[in-house]
Amino acid sequence: MKEKIKNQIRVKLYQETIDKIKILAAERGVSPSDLFQEACNNYLDSKQLLSNVEAAEYLGISRVTLWRKVQAGDIPTVDIGGLVRYDKRQLDKIIESGK
């Protein structure tokens, strides 16, 4: 019974969030998907260390290409407790150099 109530609460919160996004998008005169994309871009702009997926997206390349460039020594990584991250400042330098 508790699980059923938890699921009902989750569904209600999810629907309220969607409704708020639709209202905010309408106020700004954009589609909800454009609003979501803007939020994602703002999030990436505020982050200093990026994941594999975020770094590949930031560079406009596939994750496979990112991995190949890392293996070739073209893109430096930051290792944090076994997690591989990419310093956005280093990626910006790569973008500026055109490599």
C-alpha atoms as a PDB file:
ATOM      1  CA  MET A   1       0.000   0.000   0.000  1.00  0.00           C
ATOM      2  CA  LYS A   2       2.829   2.417   0.829  1.00  0.00           C
ATOM      3  CA  GLU A   3       4.406   1.832  -2.574  1.00  0.00           C
ATOM      4  CA  LYS A   4       1.125   2.624  -4.321  1.00  0.00           C
ATOM      5  CA  ILE A   5       0.864   5.937  -2.446  1.00  0.00           C
ATOM      6  CA  LYS A   6       4.502   6.766  -3.252  1.00  0.00           C
ATOM      7  CA  ASN A   7       3.847   6.115  -6.940  1.00  0.00           C
ATOM      8  CA  GLN A   8       0.734   8.311  -6.874  1.00  0.00           C
ATOM      9  CA  ILE A   9       2.757  11.127  -5.302  1.00  0.00           C
ATOM     10  CA  ARG A  10       5.510  10.715  -7.924  1.00  0.00           C
ATOM     11  CA  VAL A  11       2.985  10.877 -10.760  1.00  0.00           C
ATOM     12  CA  LYS A  12       1.374  13.987  -9.258  1.00  0.00           C
ATOM     13  CA  LEU A  13       4.748  15.733  -8.830  1.00  0.00           C
ATOM     14  CA  TYR A  14       5.786  14.739 -12.346  1.00  0.00           C
ATOM     15  CA  GLN A  15       2.570  16.154 -13.814  1.00  0.00           C
ATOM     16  CA  GLU A  16       2.912  19.374 -11.797  1.00  0.00           C
ATOM     17  CA  THR A  17       6.478  19.779 -13.077  1.00  0.00           C
ATOM     18  CA  ILE A  18       5.380  19.267 -16.678  1.00  0.00           C
ATOM     19  CA  ASP A  19       2.574  21.790 -16.217  1.00  0.00           C
ATOM     20  CA  LYS A  20       5.033  24.364 -14.810  1.00  0.00           C
ATOM     21  CA  ILE A  21       7.399  23.792 -17.746  1.00  0.00           C
ATOM     22  CA  LYS A  22       4.553  24.309 -20.212  1.00  0.00           C
ATOM     23  CA  ILE A  23       3.510  27.540 -18.495  1.00  0.00           C
ATOM     24  CA  LEU A  24       7.068  28.869 -18.379  1.00  0.00           C
ATOM     25  CA  ALA A  25       7.626  27.950 -22.036  1.00  0.00           C
ATOM     26  CA  ALA A  26       4.404  29.711 -23.038  1.00  0.00           C
ATOM     27  CA  GLU A  27       5.434  32.821 -21.062  1.00  0.00           C
ATOM     28  CA  ARG A  28       8.750  32.896 -22.910  1.00  0.00           C
ATOM     29  CA  GLY A  29       7.164  32.139 -26.265  1.00  0.00           C
ATOM     30  CA  VAL A  30       9.182  28.964 -26.842  1.00  0.00           C
ATOM     31  CA  SER A  31       8.371  25.287 -27.010  1.00  0.00           C
ATOM     32  CA  PRO A  32       8.878  23.099 -23.919  1.00  0.00           C
ATOM     33  CA  SER A  33      11.631  21.189 -25.752  1.00  0.00           C
ATOM     34  CA  ASP A  34      13.459  24.469 -26.542  1.00  0.00           C
ATOM     35  CA  LEU A  35      13.168  25.452 -22.895  1.00  0.00           C
ATOM     36  CA  PHE A  36      14.602  22.085 -21.859  1.00  0.00           C
ATOM     37  CA  GLN A  37      17.495  22.455 -24.334  1.00  0.00           C
ATOM     38  CA  GLU A  38      18.246  25.925 -22.965  1.00  0.00           C
ATOM     39  CA  ALA A  39      18.304  24.536 -19.412  1.00  0.00           C
ATOM     40  CA  CYS A  40      20.691  21.771 -20.493  1.00  0.00           C
ATOM     41  CA  ASN A  41      22.990  24.274 -22.192  1.00  0.00           C
ATOM     42  CA  ASN A  42      22.989  26.517 -19.118  1.00  0.00           C
ATOM     43  CA  TYR A  43      23.823  23.518 -16.968  1.00  0.00           C
ATOM     44  CA  LEU A  44      26.755  22.580 -19.188  1.00  0.00           C
ATOM     45  CA  ASP A  45      27.958  26.193 -19.232  1.00  0.00           C
ATOM     46  CA  SER A  46      28.077  26.229 -15.431  1.00  0.00           C
ATOM     47  CA  LYS A  47      29.995  22.944 -15.070  1.00  0.00           C
ATOM     48  CA  GLN A  48      33.776  22.802 -15.045  1.00  0.00           C
ATOM     49  CA  LEU A  49      34.265  19.015 -15.211  1.00  0.00           C
ATOM     50  CA  LEU A  50      32.250  17.109 -17.802  1.00  0.00           C
ATOM     51  CA  SER A  51      31.381  13.426 -18.158  1.00  0.00           C
ATOM     52  CA  ASN A  52      32.111  11.421 -21.332  1.00  0.00           C
ATOM     53  CA  VAL A  53      28.652  12.121 -22.716  1.00  0.00           C
ATOM     54  CA  GLU A  54      28.779  15.824 -21.840  1.00  0.00           C
ATOM     55  CA  ALA A  55      32.310  16.259 -23.231  1.00  0.00           C
ATOM     56  CA  ALA A  56      31.418  14.551 -26.508  1.00  0.00           C
ATOM     57  CA  GLU A  57      28.311  16.715 -26.845  1.00  0.00           C
ATOM     58  CA  TYR A  58      30.276  19.844 -25.939  1.00  0.00           C
ATOM     59  CA  LEU A  59      32.841  19.073 -28.644  1.00  0.00           C
ATOM     60  CA  GLY A  60      30.192  17.988 -31.149  1.00  0.00           C
ATOM     61  CA  ILE A  61      31.689  14.527 -31.614  1.00  0.00           C
ATOM     62  CA  SER A  62      30.569  11.002 -30.824  1.00  0.00           C
ATOM     63  CA  ARG A  63      31.632   9.221 -27.639  1.00  0.00           C
ATOM     64  CA  VAL A  64      33.645   6.791 -29.757  1.00  0.00           C
ATOM     65  CA  THR A  65      35.550   9.653 -31.385  1.00  0.00           C
ATOM     66  CA  LEU A  66      36.116  11.198 -27.951  1.00  0.00           C
ATOM     67  CA  TRP A  67      37.513   7.887 -26.676  1.00  0.00           C
ATOM     68  CA  ARG A  68      39.800   7.570 -29.717  1.00  0.00           C
ATOM     69  CA  LYS A  69      41.120  11.105 -29.217  1.00  0.00           C
ATOM     70  CA  VAL A  70      41.760  10.379 -25.530  1.00  0.00           C
ATOM     71  CA  GLN A  71      43.632   7.176 -26.445  1.00  0.00           C
ATOM     72  CA  ALA A  72      45.702   9.129 -28.981  1.00  0.00           C
ATOM     73  CA  GLY A  73      46.597  11.695 -26.304  1.00  0.00           C
ATOM     74  CA  ASP A  74      44.758  14.518 -28.090  1.00  0.00           C
ATOM     75  CA  ILE A  75      42.300  15.137 -25.242  1.00  0.00           C
ATOM     76  CA  PRO A  76      43.428  15.191 -21.603  1.00  0.00           C
ATOM     77  CA  THR A  77      41.331  13.647 -18.833  1.00  0.00           C
ATOM     78  CA  VAL A  78      40.934  14.237 -15.130  1.00  0.00           C
ATOM     79  CA  ASP A  79      40.678  11.100 -13.000  1.00  0.00           C
ATOM     80  CA  ILE A  80      38.644  11.503  -9.817  1.00  0.00           C
ATOM     81  CA  GLY A  81      38.295   8.394  -7.705  1.00  0.00           C
ATOM     82  CA  GLY A  82      38.133   6.112 -10.725  1.00  0.00           C
ATOM     83  CA  LEU A  83      35.826   8.436 -12.681  1.00  0.00           C
ATOM     84  CA  VAL A  84      37.055  10.015 -15.898  1.00  0.00           C
ATOM     85  CA  ARG A  85      36.125  13.647 -16.374  1.00  0.00           C
ATOM     86  CA  TYR A  86      37.088  16.350 -18.858  1.00  0.00           C
ATOM     87  CA  ASP A  87      38.103  19.873 -17.852  1.00  0.00           C
ATOM     88  CA  LYS A  88      35.997  22.283 -19.862  1.00  0.00           C
ATOM     89  CA  ARG A  89      38.860  24.813 -20.000  1.00  0.00           C
ATOM     90  CA  GLN A  90      41.042  22.206 -21.733  1.00  0.00           C
ATOM     91  CA  LEU A  91      38.230  21.391 -24.153  1.00  0.00           C
ATOM     92  CA  ASP A  92      37.845  25.101 -24.907  1.00  0.00           C
ATOM     93  CA  LYS A  93      41.557  25.265 -25.770  1.00  0.00           C
ATOM     94  CA  ILE A  94      41.121  22.304 -28.127  1.00  0.00           C
ATOM     95  CA  ILE A  95      38.155  24.010 -29.790  1.00  0.00           C
ATOM     96  CA  GLU A  96      40.105  27.275 -30.147  1.00  0.00           C
ATOM     97  CA  SER A  97      43.082  25.478 -31.687  1.00  0.00           C
ATOM     98  CA  GLY A  98      40.802  23.776 -34.219  1.00  0.00           C
ATOM     99  CA  LYS A  99      42.120  20.264 -33.526  1.00  0.00           C
END
